[in-house]
Protein backbone atom coordinates (compact mmCIF):
# COMPACT_ATOMS: atom_id res chain seq x y z
CA MET A 1 44.24 -1.55 -0.57
CA ILE A 2 41.61 -3.04 -2.85
CA LYS A 3 40.60 -6.47 -1.57
CA SER A 4 37.35 -7.03 -3.50
CA VAL A 5 35.31 -5.56 -6.35
CA ILE A 6 31.61 -4.76 -6.78
CA PHE A 7 30.65 -4.52 -10.43
CA ASP A 8 27.63 -2.90 -11.97
CA LEU A 9 26.27 -4.97 -14.87
CA ASP A 10 24.58 -2.89 -17.59
CA GLY A 11 26.94 -0.51 -19.33
CA THR A 12 29.84 -1.70 -17.20
CA LEU A 13 30.32 -5.41 -17.91
CA ILE A 14 27.82 -5.86 -20.73
CA ASP A 15 27.06 -3.58 -23.68
CA SER A 16 23.33 -3.28 -23.02
CA MET A 17 22.52 0.38 -22.43
CA LYS A 18 21.42 1.01 -26.01
CA ILE A 19 18.92 -1.82 -25.63
CA TRP A 20 17.32 -0.17 -22.61
CA TYR A 21 17.31 3.14 -24.47
CA GLU A 22 15.42 1.54 -27.34
CA ILE A 23 13.12 -0.56 -25.17
CA ASP A 24 11.80 2.48 -23.29
CA ARG A 25 10.87 4.10 -26.58
CA ASN A 26 9.51 0.92 -28.13
CA PHE A 27 7.25 0.38 -25.17
CA LEU A 28 5.98 3.96 -25.12
CA THR A 29 5.34 3.84 -28.88
CA GLU A 30 3.44 0.59 -28.43
CA MET A 31 1.33 2.35 -25.79
CA GLY A 32 0.48 5.15 -28.24
CA VAL A 33 2.81 7.89 -27.00
CA GLU A 34 3.61 10.09 -30.00
CA ASN A 35 5.91 12.67 -28.44
CA ILE A 36 8.41 10.83 -26.28
CA PRO A 37 10.25 13.28 -23.99
CA ASP A 38 13.97 13.80 -24.46
CA GLY A 39 15.99 12.26 -21.68
CA ILE A 40 13.39 9.64 -20.76
CA SER A 41 16.01 6.88 -20.72
CA GLU A 42 18.29 8.90 -18.46
CA LYS A 43 15.34 9.26 -16.09
CA MET A 44 14.69 5.52 -16.18
CA LYS A 45 18.31 4.76 -15.30
CA THR A 46 17.81 6.31 -11.86
CA LEU A 47 14.68 4.27 -11.02
CA THR A 48 13.95 0.72 -10.02
CA ILE A 49 11.68 -1.14 -12.45
CA GLU A 50 8.77 -0.77 -10.01
CA LYS A 51 9.31 2.98 -9.73
CA ALA A 52 9.70 3.24 -13.50
CA ALA A 53 6.33 1.53 -14.01
CA ASP A 54 4.70 3.96 -11.56
CA TYR A 55 6.38 6.87 -13.34
CA PHE A 56 5.08 5.77 -16.75
CA ILE A 57 1.54 5.43 -15.41
CA GLU A 58 1.59 8.87 -13.79
CA LYS A 59 3.45 10.65 -16.59
CA PHE A 60 1.44 9.26 -19.51
CA ASN A 61 -1.88 8.44 -17.78
CA PHE A 62 -1.71 4.78 -18.81
CA ASP A 63 -4.76 2.75 -17.85
CA VAL A 64 -2.76 -0.37 -17.05
CA SER A 65 -1.30 -1.88 -13.91
CA PRO A 66 2.34 -1.55 -12.88
CA GLU A 67 2.55 -5.33 -13.21
CA TYR A 68 1.56 -5.12 -16.87
CA ILE A 69 4.32 -2.61 -17.61
CA ILE A 70 6.93 -4.60 -15.70
CA ASN A 71 6.00 -7.84 -17.46
CA ARG A 72 5.80 -6.28 -20.92
CA ILE A 73 9.20 -4.59 -20.64
CA ARG A 74 10.66 -7.82 -19.29
CA GLU A 75 9.38 -9.66 -22.35
CA LEU A 76 10.76 -7.02 -24.71
CA VAL A 77 14.25 -7.26 -23.27
CA ARG A 78 14.34 -10.99 -22.52
CA ILE A 79 15.44 -12.11 -25.97
CA GLU A 80 18.17 -9.47 -26.10
CA TYR A 81 19.72 -10.73 -22.87
CA GLU A 82 19.30 -14.38 -23.75
CA GLN A 83 20.63 -14.13 -27.29
CA ASN A 84 22.28 -10.88 -28.33
CA ILE A 85 23.89 -8.57 -25.76
CA PRO A 86 27.71 -8.85 -25.78
CA LEU A 87 30.30 -8.25 -23.09
CA LYS A 88 32.02 -4.90 -22.96
CA PRO A 89 35.58 -5.06 -24.34
CA HIS A 90 38.11 -6.63 -21.94
CA ALA A 91 35.47 -7.67 -19.36
CA ARG A 92 36.54 -11.31 -19.42
CA GLU A 93 40.22 -10.35 -19.33
CA LEU A 94 39.70 -8.21 -16.23
CA LEU A 95 37.67 -10.88 -14.44
CA GLU A 96 40.23 -13.55 -15.22
CA PHE A 97 42.97 -11.28 -13.87
CA LEU A 98 41.06 -10.67 -10.62
CA LYS A 99 40.44 -14.39 -10.24
CA GLY A 100 44.15 -15.00 -10.60
CA LYS A 101 44.78 -12.47 -7.83
CA ASN A 102 42.17 -14.17 -5.58
CA ILE A 103 40.16 -10.94 -5.45
CA PRO A 104 36.48 -11.83 -4.96
CA CYS A 105 33.85 -10.07 -7.07
CA GLY A 106 30.12 -9.50 -6.82
CA ILE A 107 27.47 -7.79 -8.89
CA ALA A 108 25.09 -5.04 -7.77
CA THR A 109 22.55 -4.24 -10.47
CA ALA A 110 19.07 -2.88 -11.09
CA THR A 111 18.48 -5.59 -13.70
CA TYR A 112 16.08 -8.48 -13.17
CA ARG A 113 17.91 -11.41 -11.65
CA SER A 114 16.77 -13.81 -14.39
CA LEU A 115 18.13 -11.52 -17.10
CA ALA A 116 21.40 -10.95 -15.28
CA GLU A 117 21.93 -14.66 -14.80
CA SER A 118 21.07 -15.50 -18.41
CA VAL A 119 23.48 -13.00 -19.96
CA LEU A 120 26.29 -13.89 -17.55
CA ARG A 121 25.89 -17.60 -18.23
CA ARG A 122 25.64 -17.13 -22.00
CA CYS A 123 28.77 -14.98 -22.02
CA GLY A 124 30.62 -17.46 -19.84
CA ILE A 125 31.40 -15.20 -16.87
CA TYR A 126 28.76 -16.24 -14.33
CA ASP A 127 31.21 -18.25 -12.23
CA TYR A 128 33.51 -15.29 -11.68
CA PHE A 129 31.04 -13.79 -9.19
CA GLU A 130 30.17 -14.64 -5.62
CA PHE A 131 26.63 -13.27 -5.93
CA ILE A 132 24.20 -11.03 -7.78
CA LEU A 133 22.34 -8.40 -5.75
CA ASN A 134 19.51 -6.37 -7.25
CA ASP A 135 16.45 -4.30 -6.40
CA THR A 136 14.63 -7.35 -5.08
CA ASP A 137 17.27 -7.57 -2.35
CA TYR A 138 17.49 -3.80 -1.87
CA PRO A 139 14.29 -2.06 -3.07
CA LYS A 140 15.76 1.44 -2.73
CA GLY A 141 18.26 0.59 -5.45
CA LYS A 142 21.49 2.50 -5.83
CA LYS A 143 20.11 5.79 -4.62
CA CYS A 144 20.75 4.26 -1.19
CA PRO A 145 24.15 2.79 -0.21
CA ASP A 146 22.66 -0.31 1.44
CA ILE A 147 23.18 -2.44 -1.66
CA PHE A 148 26.88 -1.56 -1.67
CA PHE A 149 27.22 -2.17 2.07
CA GLY A 150 25.45 -5.50 1.66
CA ALA A 151 27.75 -6.51 -1.17
CA ALA A 152 30.87 -5.56 0.77
CA GLU A 153 29.67 -7.57 3.76
CA ARG A 154 29.16 -10.62 1.57
CA LEU A 155 32.61 -10.16 0.09
CA GLY A 156 34.07 -9.90 3.58
CA THR A 157 35.78 -6.56 3.05
CA ALA A 158 35.40 -3.06 4.48
CA PRO A 159 33.95 -0.38 2.19
CA CYS A 160 37.32 1.39 2.02
CA ASP A 161 38.87 -1.80 0.63
CA THR A 162 36.03 -2.57 -1.80
CA LEU A 163 36.25 -1.08 -5.28
CA VAL A 164 32.95 -0.16 -6.95
CA VAL A 165 33.07 -0.22 -10.76
CA GLU A 166 30.19 1.73 -12.31
CA ASP A 167 29.15 3.72 -15.37
CA SER A 168 26.23 5.80 -14.03
CA LEU A 169 26.48 9.08 -12.17
CA HIS A 170 23.83 8.48 -9.52
CA SER A 171 25.38 5.15 -8.53
CA ILE A 172 28.86 6.63 -8.39
CA LYS A 173 27.62 9.46 -6.16
CA THR A 174 26.06 6.95 -3.78
CA ALA A 175 29.17 4.80 -3.60
CA VAL A 176 31.50 7.78 -3.10
CA GLY A 177 29.25 9.16 -0.37
CA ALA A 178 29.35 5.80 1.41
CA GLY A 179 33.15 5.69 1.45
CA PHE A 180 33.82 3.22 -1.36
CA PRO A 181 36.68 3.81 -3.81
CA THR A 182 35.05 4.13 -7.22
CA ALA A 183 36.22 3.43 -10.76
CA ALA A 184 34.00 4.90 -13.44
CA VAL A 185 34.13 3.34 -16.90
CA TYR A 186 33.27 4.89 -20.24
CA GLU A 187 29.75 4.26 -21.51
CA GLU A 188 28.61 5.84 -24.75
CA THR A 189 25.05 6.52 -23.62
CA ALA A 190 26.24 8.45 -20.54
CA PHE A 191 27.76 11.25 -22.63
CA ARG A 192 25.58 13.95 -21.05
CA GLU A 193 26.98 13.11 -17.62
CA GLU A 194 30.53 12.20 -18.61
CA GLU A 195 32.25 15.31 -17.28
CA GLU A 196 30.45 15.14 -13.93
CA ILE A 197 31.19 11.42 -13.70
CA LYS A 198 34.88 12.16 -14.18
CA LYS A 199 34.77 14.79 -11.42
CA THR A 200 32.81 12.61 -9.00
CA ALA A 201 34.50 9.21 -9.28
CA ASP A 202 37.90 8.55 -7.74
CA MET A 203 39.12 7.19 -11.09
CA TYR A 204 37.85 7.19 -14.67
CA PHE A 205 38.81 4.65 -17.32
CA ASP A 206 38.13 4.53 -21.03
CA SER A 207 38.35 0.74 -20.93
CA LEU A 208 37.97 -2.08 -18.41
CA GLU A 209 41.43 -3.21 -19.47
CA ASN A 210 42.98 -0.20 -17.75
CA ILE A 211 41.56 -1.17 -14.35
CA ILE A 212 44.06 -4.03 -14.27
CA GLY A 213 46.78 -1.44 -13.67
CA LEU A 214 45.34 -0.65 -10.24
CA PHE A 215 46.50 -4.03 -8.97
CA GLY A 216 50.06 -4.04 -10.28
CA GLU A 217 51.60 -7.00 -12.01
């Protein structure tokens, strides 16, 4: 029985993945990289921001500090989160439904806390969540199940009763391996992994609206 829900943020609740796809390339172009490797954004999705900065330095021999890369990317994406990124379709409807059912929700994300808070507040859904957990709280990110265990503990539910809603394959694999029921949601930028996501997750939905059906009327 599902008693609580852990939501991913980017690509799950908010339509932001294209922004990250573009930001990676904009930053590398700014740094003088002419031939940007295919799949670089898919690689970045699996890394914390600190690991991504280290990867950029090693891969492209940048003579800058990890702090410079982190701060520059943060600046590039800040305006998008504060002003432009919309909710995914039916996100508010789903959250309102869960609130009506007294099902507590939390967020586990790799996104900077300040960005997560700003987009949630601007879109009017911040108060639907008990907490936001990110890589600052759990530096290993979603390659390790600790962030999901920590979220379930805060929600007061066992992993088997805590639904994880995600769009990325590596996060779904982690949650499944840790014993969480998982609902994968469609995300356009994850097309290369879509079939494996469908095979790995317990459930797959084309829309957040369809998750409502899991809870009955």
